[in-house]
């Protein structure tokens, strides 16, 4: 059966608003061990994405370690987020989404339904898929020798 985005996406991902700050993003990433946060407007539309790399690039790394933040920590996400954002539907073919991620060099794709966010898929989700497939291949090998 064809796998689709819905099969591996993280449902109801953590999100922030455009007026939240780099510090808010750093805290959320640290607390939940995540590397990508969709930035969502008050009406539920995905207006941007902030990544762990963006936080590092836009700030002193102190804010990721919970040390005393400098003034750059209070910069609004709207000023540093990647925007506009490419999104996918839940029904998108998993391989097609992977090829798109690779081609566009994206770390994540927010998943939307009728304009509102319902999930997220990231490059690390695909690593999980690869590991599972490799394990299945390895488990399948001995039977072929019989």
N, C-alpha and C. Protein backbone atom coordinates (compact mmCIF):
# COMPACT_ATOMS: atom_id res chain seq x y z
N UNK A 1 0.84 -1.20 0.00
CA UNK A 1 0.00 0.00 0.00
C UNK A 1 0.88 1.25 0.00
N UNK A 2 0.43 2.27 -0.70
CA UNK A 2 1.17 3.53 -0.76
C UNK A 2 1.10 4.24 0.59
N UNK A 3 2.25 4.60 1.09
CA UNK A 3 2.28 5.37 2.33
C UNK A 3 2.02 6.83 2.01
N UNK A 4 1.27 7.49 2.87
CA UNK A 4 1.08 8.92 2.69
C UNK A 4 1.55 9.68 3.92
N UNK A 5 1.62 10.98 3.76
CA UNK A 5 2.14 11.88 4.80
C UNK A 5 1.48 11.61 6.16
N UNK A 6 0.17 11.36 6.12
CA UNK A 6 -0.59 11.12 7.34
C UNK A 6 -0.02 9.96 8.17
N UNK A 7 0.59 8.99 7.48
CA UNK A 7 1.10 7.79 8.18
C UNK A 7 2.28 8.07 9.10
N UNK A 8 3.06 9.11 8.80
CA UNK A 8 4.24 9.35 9.64
C UNK A 8 4.26 10.73 10.30
N UNK A 9 3.29 11.58 9.97
CA UNK A 9 3.36 12.96 10.49
C UNK A 9 3.15 12.99 12.01
N UNK A 10 3.70 14.01 12.62
CA UNK A 10 3.43 14.30 14.03
C UNK A 10 2.16 15.14 14.05
N UNK A 11 1.15 14.63 14.74
CA UNK A 11 -0.14 15.35 14.79
C UNK A 11 -0.10 16.47 15.82
N UNK A 12 -0.89 17.50 15.55
CA UNK A 12 -0.98 18.65 16.47
C UNK A 12 0.38 19.10 16.96
N UNK A 13 1.24 19.53 16.05
CA UNK A 13 2.58 19.95 16.47
C UNK A 13 2.55 21.20 17.34
N UNK A 14 3.61 21.39 18.10
CA UNK A 14 3.76 22.63 18.85
C UNK A 14 3.90 23.77 17.86
N UNK A 15 3.20 24.87 18.12
CA UNK A 15 3.29 26.03 17.24
C UNK A 15 3.50 27.29 18.08
N UNK A 16 3.93 28.36 17.42
CA UNK A 16 4.03 29.67 18.05
C UNK A 16 3.41 30.68 17.10
N UNK A 17 3.15 31.88 17.63
CA UNK A 17 2.63 32.96 16.80
C UNK A 17 3.75 33.87 16.33
N UNK A 18 3.47 34.69 15.31
CA UNK A 18 4.51 35.57 14.75
C UNK A 18 5.07 36.59 15.74
N UNK A 19 4.32 36.89 16.80
CA UNK A 19 4.79 37.85 17.79
C UNK A 19 5.58 37.19 18.92
N UNK A 20 5.61 35.86 18.95
CA UNK A 20 6.49 35.18 19.90
C UNK A 20 7.94 35.48 19.51
N UNK A 21 8.86 35.22 20.42
CA UNK A 21 10.25 35.61 20.21
C UNK A 21 11.17 34.41 19.98
N UNK A 22 12.38 34.72 19.57
CA UNK A 22 13.41 33.69 19.45
C UNK A 22 13.58 32.92 20.76
N UNK A 23 13.49 33.64 21.86
CA UNK A 23 13.61 32.99 23.17
C UNK A 23 12.49 31.98 23.38
N UNK A 24 11.26 32.35 23.00
CA UNK A 24 10.13 31.42 23.10
C UNK A 24 10.39 30.16 22.28
N UNK A 25 10.91 30.37 21.06
CA UNK A 25 11.20 29.24 20.18
C UNK A 25 12.28 28.35 20.77
N UNK A 26 13.34 28.97 21.28
CA UNK A 26 14.44 28.21 21.87
C UNK A 26 13.97 27.37 23.06
N UNK A 27 13.12 27.98 23.90
CA UNK A 27 12.59 27.25 25.07
C UNK A 27 11.74 26.06 24.64
N UNK A 28 10.86 26.28 23.66
CA UNK A 28 9.98 25.21 23.19
C UNK A 28 10.79 24.07 22.57
N UNK A 29 11.80 24.41 21.82
CA UNK A 29 12.67 23.39 21.20
C UNK A 29 13.40 22.59 22.26
N UNK A 30 13.89 23.30 23.27
CA UNK A 30 14.65 22.64 24.33
C UNK A 30 13.74 21.72 25.15
N UNK A 31 12.55 22.23 25.51
CA UNK A 31 11.64 21.46 26.37
C UNK A 31 11.11 20.21 25.69
N UNK A 32 10.85 20.30 24.39
CA UNK A 32 10.18 19.19 23.70
C UNK A 32 11.07 18.45 22.72
N UNK A 33 12.36 18.81 22.70
CA UNK A 33 13.33 18.13 21.83
C UNK A 33 12.87 18.15 20.38
N UNK A 34 12.48 19.33 19.92
CA UNK A 34 12.05 19.49 18.54
C UNK A 34 12.97 20.50 17.85
N UNK A 35 13.00 20.44 16.52
CA UNK A 35 13.89 21.31 15.76
C UNK A 35 13.17 22.22 14.78
N UNK A 36 11.86 22.05 14.65
CA UNK A 36 11.08 22.88 13.72
C UNK A 36 9.77 23.28 14.38
N UNK A 37 9.44 24.56 14.28
CA UNK A 37 8.18 25.05 14.85
C UNK A 37 7.43 25.85 13.80
N UNK A 38 6.24 25.39 13.40
CA UNK A 38 5.42 26.20 12.51
C UNK A 38 4.95 27.46 13.24
N UNK A 39 4.96 28.58 12.52
CA UNK A 39 4.48 29.85 13.07
C UNK A 39 3.09 30.07 12.47
N UNK A 40 2.11 30.18 13.36
CA UNK A 40 0.71 30.16 12.95
C UNK A 40 0.01 31.45 13.38
N UNK A 41 -0.72 32.05 12.44
CA UNK A 41 -1.44 33.29 12.75
C UNK A 41 -2.67 32.99 13.60
N UNK A 42 -3.31 34.04 14.10
CA UNK A 42 -4.46 33.86 14.99
C UNK A 42 -5.61 33.13 14.31
N UNK A 43 -5.69 33.20 12.97
CA UNK A 43 -6.77 32.48 12.28
C UNK A 43 -6.38 31.05 11.87
N UNK A 44 -5.21 30.59 12.35
CA UNK A 44 -4.82 29.20 12.12
C UNK A 44 -4.00 28.94 10.88
N UNK A 45 -3.70 30.00 10.11
CA UNK A 45 -2.91 29.81 8.89
C UNK A 45 -1.42 29.72 9.22
N UNK A 46 -0.71 28.85 8.52
CA UNK A 46 0.73 28.75 8.70
C UNK A 46 1.39 29.89 7.94
N UNK A 47 2.06 30.79 8.68
CA UNK A 47 2.67 31.98 8.06
C UNK A 47 4.19 31.89 7.99
N UNK A 48 4.75 30.90 8.69
CA UNK A 48 6.20 30.76 8.68
C UNK A 48 6.63 29.49 9.38
N UNK A 49 7.93 29.25 9.31
CA UNK A 49 8.53 28.14 10.05
C UNK A 49 9.81 28.67 10.68
N UNK A 50 10.06 28.27 11.91
CA UNK A 50 11.34 28.61 12.55
C UNK A 50 12.05 27.30 12.88
N UNK A 51 13.30 27.20 12.49
CA UNK A 51 14.05 25.97 12.75
C UNK A 51 15.13 26.22 13.79
N UNK A 52 15.64 25.13 14.32
CA UNK A 52 16.74 25.18 15.29
C UNK A 52 17.91 25.96 14.68
N UNK A 53 18.16 25.71 13.40
CA UNK A 53 19.25 26.38 12.70
C UNK A 53 19.00 27.89 12.62
N UNK A 54 17.72 28.28 12.39
CA UNK A 54 17.37 29.71 12.35
C UNK A 54 17.65 30.37 13.69
N UNK A 55 17.30 29.66 14.76
CA UNK A 55 17.52 30.20 16.11
C UNK A 55 19.01 30.40 16.35
N UNK A 56 19.81 29.40 15.96
CA UNK A 56 21.26 29.51 16.11
C UNK A 56 21.82 30.67 15.28
N UNK A 57 21.35 30.77 14.04
CA UNK A 57 21.88 31.79 13.13
C UNK A 57 21.52 33.20 13.59
N UNK A 58 20.33 33.34 14.18
CA UNK A 58 19.82 34.66 14.53
C UNK A 58 20.24 35.10 15.92
N UNK A 59 20.91 34.23 16.65
CA UNK A 59 21.16 34.56 18.05
C UNK A 59 22.50 34.05 18.52
N UNK A 60 22.82 34.48 19.67
CA UNK A 60 23.92 33.92 20.42
C UNK A 60 23.43 32.54 20.89
N UNK A 61 24.26 31.53 20.83
CA UNK A 61 23.80 30.19 21.19
C UNK A 61 23.41 30.07 22.66
N UNK A 62 23.69 31.10 23.44
CA UNK A 62 23.32 31.06 24.87
C UNK A 62 21.84 30.78 25.08
N UNK A 63 21.00 31.32 24.19
CA UNK A 63 19.56 31.19 24.46
C UNK A 63 19.08 29.76 24.33
N UNK A 64 19.84 28.93 23.59
CA UNK A 64 19.44 27.53 23.47
C UNK A 64 19.85 26.73 24.69
N UNK A 65 20.78 27.26 25.46
CA UNK A 65 21.25 26.53 26.63
C UNK A 65 20.66 27.05 27.94
N UNK A 66 19.74 28.00 27.81
CA UNK A 66 19.05 28.49 29.00
C UNK A 66 19.86 29.47 29.81
N UNK A 67 20.94 29.98 29.22
CA UNK A 67 21.73 30.99 29.93
C UNK A 67 21.06 32.35 29.80
N UNK A 68 21.66 33.33 30.43
CA UNK A 68 21.11 34.69 30.39
C UNK A 68 21.04 35.18 28.94
N UNK A 69 19.81 35.41 28.43
CA UNK A 69 19.72 35.79 27.01
C UNK A 69 20.12 37.23 26.74
N UNK A 70 20.71 37.45 25.59
CA UNK A 70 20.99 38.81 25.14
C UNK A 70 19.76 39.41 24.50
N UNK A 71 19.85 40.65 24.07
CA UNK A 71 18.66 41.32 23.55
C UNK A 71 18.13 40.69 22.26
N UNK A 72 19.01 39.99 21.51
CA UNK A 72 18.53 39.36 20.27
C UNK A 72 17.52 38.25 20.55
N UNK A 73 17.49 37.77 21.78
CA UNK A 73 16.56 36.70 22.14
C UNK A 73 15.10 37.17 22.06
N UNK A 74 14.90 38.48 22.10
CA UNK A 74 13.53 39.02 22.15
C UNK A 74 13.03 39.48 20.77
N UNK A 75 13.80 39.14 19.73
CA UNK A 75 13.38 39.44 18.36
C UNK A 75 12.13 38.61 18.04
N UNK A 76 11.14 39.25 17.39
CA UNK A 76 9.91 38.55 17.01
C UNK A 76 10.20 37.51 15.93
N UNK A 77 9.49 36.40 16.00
CA UNK A 77 9.66 35.34 15.01
C UNK A 77 9.34 35.82 13.60
N UNK A 78 8.41 36.78 13.49
CA UNK A 78 8.05 37.30 12.17
C UNK A 78 9.25 37.89 11.45
N UNK A 79 10.27 38.33 12.21
CA UNK A 79 11.45 38.95 11.61
C UNK A 79 12.49 37.93 11.15
N UNK A 80 12.43 36.72 11.65
CA UNK A 80 13.47 35.73 11.35
C UNK A 80 12.96 34.43 10.74
N UNK A 81 11.65 34.22 10.76
CA UNK A 81 11.10 32.97 10.26
C UNK A 81 11.23 32.85 8.74
N UNK A 82 11.21 31.61 8.26
CA UNK A 82 11.15 31.36 6.83
C UNK A 82 9.71 31.53 6.39
N UNK A 83 9.51 32.39 5.41
CA UNK A 83 8.16 32.70 4.94
C UNK A 83 8.26 33.17 3.49
N UNK A 84 7.33 32.81 2.61
CA UNK A 84 6.18 31.92 2.85
C UNK A 84 6.63 30.47 3.05
N UNK A 85 5.69 29.64 3.46
CA UNK A 85 5.99 28.27 3.82
C UNK A 85 5.37 27.30 2.82
N UNK A 86 6.13 26.28 2.47
CA UNK A 86 5.56 25.21 1.65
C UNK A 86 4.90 24.22 2.60
N UNK A 87 3.70 23.82 2.24
CA UNK A 87 2.96 22.86 3.07
C UNK A 87 2.51 21.69 2.21
N UNK A 88 2.10 20.61 2.85
CA UNK A 88 1.55 19.46 2.13
C UNK A 88 0.23 19.04 2.75
N UNK A 89 -0.53 18.28 1.98
CA UNK A 89 -1.79 17.70 2.47
C UNK A 89 -1.49 16.33 3.08
N UNK A 90 -2.40 15.89 3.96
CA UNK A 90 -2.23 14.58 4.62
C UNK A 90 -2.17 13.43 3.63
N UNK A 91 -2.86 13.59 2.52
CA UNK A 91 -2.97 12.51 1.53
C UNK A 91 -1.79 12.46 0.56
N UNK A 92 -0.84 13.41 0.69
CA UNK A 92 0.32 13.43 -0.21
C UNK A 92 1.14 12.15 -0.07
N UNK A 93 1.55 11.62 -1.21
CA UNK A 93 2.39 10.43 -1.26
C UNK A 93 3.70 10.71 -0.51
N UNK A 94 4.06 9.78 0.37
CA UNK A 94 5.22 9.98 1.25
C UNK A 94 6.52 10.14 0.45
N UNK A 95 6.64 9.37 -0.62
CA UNK A 95 7.84 9.46 -1.45
C UNK A 95 7.91 10.81 -2.17
N UNK A 96 6.78 11.25 -2.68
CA UNK A 96 6.74 12.56 -3.36
C UNK A 96 7.13 13.68 -2.40
N UNK A 97 6.64 13.61 -1.17
CA UNK A 97 6.98 14.62 -0.16
C UNK A 97 8.47 14.58 0.17
N UNK A 98 9.04 13.36 0.23
CA UNK A 98 10.47 13.20 0.52
C UNK A 98 11.31 13.81 -0.58
N UNK A 99 10.93 13.55 -1.83
CA UNK A 99 11.67 14.08 -2.98
C UNK A 99 11.61 15.61 -2.97
N UNK A 100 10.45 16.14 -2.62
CA UNK A 100 10.28 17.60 -2.54
C UNK A 100 11.16 18.19 -1.43
N UNK A 101 11.17 17.56 -0.27
CA UNK A 101 12.02 18.01 0.84
C UNK A 101 13.48 18.07 0.41
N UNK A 102 13.92 17.00 -0.26
CA UNK A 102 15.32 16.93 -0.66
C UNK A 102 15.65 17.97 -1.72
N UNK A 103 14.78 18.09 -2.71
CA UNK A 103 15.03 19.01 -3.82
C UNK A 103 15.07 20.46 -3.35
N UNK A 104 14.15 20.81 -2.45
CA UNK A 104 14.06 22.18 -1.95
C UNK A 104 14.96 22.43 -0.74
N UNK A 105 15.63 21.36 -0.28
CA UNK A 105 16.49 21.44 0.91
C UNK A 105 15.74 21.97 2.14
N UNK A 106 14.56 21.42 2.34
CA UNK A 106 13.72 21.82 3.47
C UNK A 106 13.93 20.84 4.62
N UNK A 107 13.82 21.33 5.83
CA UNK A 107 13.93 20.45 6.99
C UNK A 107 12.58 19.89 7.42
N UNK A 108 11.52 20.57 6.98
CA UNK A 108 10.19 20.13 7.40
C UNK A 108 9.13 20.61 6.42
N UNK A 109 7.98 19.97 6.50
CA UNK A 109 6.80 20.42 5.77
C UNK A 109 5.62 20.39 6.73
N UNK A 110 5.05 21.55 7.05
CA UNK A 110 3.81 21.54 7.82
C UNK A 110 2.70 20.88 6.98
N UNK A 111 1.82 20.17 7.65
CA UNK A 111 0.73 19.48 6.98
C UNK A 111 -0.56 20.24 7.27
N UNK A 112 -1.26 20.62 6.21
CA UNK A 112 -2.46 21.43 6.40
C UNK A 112 -3.70 20.76 5.83
N UNK A 113 -4.82 21.10 6.42
CA UNK A 113 -6.13 20.67 5.94
C UNK A 113 -7.01 21.91 5.90
N UNK A 114 -7.50 22.25 4.71
CA UNK A 114 -8.33 23.44 4.52
C UNK A 114 -7.69 24.69 5.13
N UNK A 115 -6.38 24.80 4.91
CA UNK A 115 -5.66 26.00 5.35
C UNK A 115 -5.18 26.01 6.78
N UNK A 116 -5.59 25.03 7.58
CA UNK A 116 -5.16 24.99 8.99
C UNK A 116 -4.19 23.84 9.23
N UNK A 117 -3.29 24.05 10.16
CA UNK A 117 -2.26 23.05 10.44
C UNK A 117 -2.83 21.85 11.19
N UNK A 118 -2.47 20.65 10.72
CA UNK A 118 -2.91 19.43 11.40
C UNK A 118 -1.73 18.54 11.78
N UNK A 119 -0.54 18.85 11.22
CA UNK A 119 0.62 18.02 11.51
C UNK A 119 1.88 18.62 10.94
N UNK A 120 2.97 17.87 11.10
CA UNK A 120 4.26 18.27 10.51
C UNK A 120 5.03 17.00 10.18
N UNK A 121 5.76 17.03 9.05
CA UNK A 121 6.72 15.97 8.77
C UNK A 121 8.09 16.62 8.65
N UNK A 122 9.10 15.91 9.17
CA UNK A 122 10.45 16.46 9.18
C UNK A 122 11.42 15.46 8.58
N UNK A 123 12.63 15.94 8.30
CA UNK A 123 13.65 15.04 7.77
C UNK A 123 13.93 13.89 8.75
N UNK A 124 13.82 14.14 10.04
CA UNK A 124 14.09 13.06 11.00
C UNK A 124 12.99 12.00 10.99
N UNK A 125 11.77 12.37 10.60
CA UNK A 125 10.71 11.36 10.43
C UNK A 125 11.10 10.37 9.34
N UNK A 126 11.74 10.90 8.29
CA UNK A 126 12.17 10.03 7.20
C UNK A 126 13.33 9.12 7.62
N UNK A 127 14.15 9.59 8.54
CA UNK A 127 15.20 8.72 9.08
C UNK A 127 14.58 7.53 9.80
N UNK A 128 13.51 7.80 10.55
CA UNK A 128 12.80 6.72 11.24
C UNK A 128 12.26 5.70 10.25
N UNK A 129 11.68 6.20 9.14
CA UNK A 129 11.16 5.33 8.10
C UNK A 129 12.29 4.48 7.52
N UNK A 130 13.44 5.11 7.24
CA UNK A 130 14.58 4.40 6.67
C UNK A 130 15.07 3.30 7.60
N UNK A 131 15.14 3.61 8.89
CA UNK A 131 15.59 2.62 9.88
C UNK A 131 14.63 1.44 9.91
N UNK A 132 13.34 1.72 9.93
CA UNK A 132 12.31 0.67 9.95
C UNK A 132 12.42 -0.21 8.71
N UNK A 133 12.59 0.42 7.54
CA UNK A 133 12.72 -0.34 6.29
C UNK A 133 13.96 -1.22 6.31
N UNK A 134 15.06 -0.68 6.80
CA UNK A 134 16.30 -1.46 6.86
C UNK A 134 16.17 -2.65 7.80
N UNK A 135 15.50 -2.42 8.92
CA UNK A 135 15.27 -3.51 9.88
C UNK A 135 14.41 -4.60 9.25
N UNK A 136 13.38 -4.19 8.50
CA UNK A 136 12.50 -5.15 7.83
C UNK A 136 13.27 -5.95 6.79
N UNK A 137 14.14 -5.26 6.03
CA UNK A 137 14.97 -5.94 5.03
C UNK A 137 15.89 -6.96 5.68
N UNK A 138 16.52 -6.57 6.78
CA UNK A 138 17.45 -7.45 7.46
C UNK A 138 16.74 -8.66 8.06
N UNK A 139 15.54 -8.43 8.59
CA UNK A 139 14.77 -9.52 9.17
C UNK A 139 14.29 -10.48 8.09
N UNK A 140 14.09 -9.94 6.87
CA UNK A 140 13.60 -10.78 5.78
C UNK A 140 14.66 -11.64 5.13
N UNK A 141 15.93 -11.34 5.40
CA UNK A 141 17.01 -12.03 4.68
C UNK A 141 17.15 -13.53 4.98
N UNK A 142 17.14 -13.95 6.27
CA UNK A 142 17.41 -15.36 6.54
C UNK A 142 16.49 -16.33 5.81
N UNK A 143 15.19 -15.97 5.67
CA UNK A 143 14.23 -16.87 5.05
C UNK A 143 14.60 -17.18 3.60
N UNK A 144 15.25 -16.21 2.95
CA UNK A 144 15.61 -16.40 1.54
C UNK A 144 16.71 -17.46 1.37
N UNK A 145 17.45 -17.71 2.46
CA UNK A 145 18.56 -18.66 2.39
C UNK A 145 18.07 -20.11 2.49
N UNK A 146 16.85 -20.30 2.99
CA UNK A 146 16.34 -21.67 3.23
C UNK A 146 16.10 -22.41 1.92
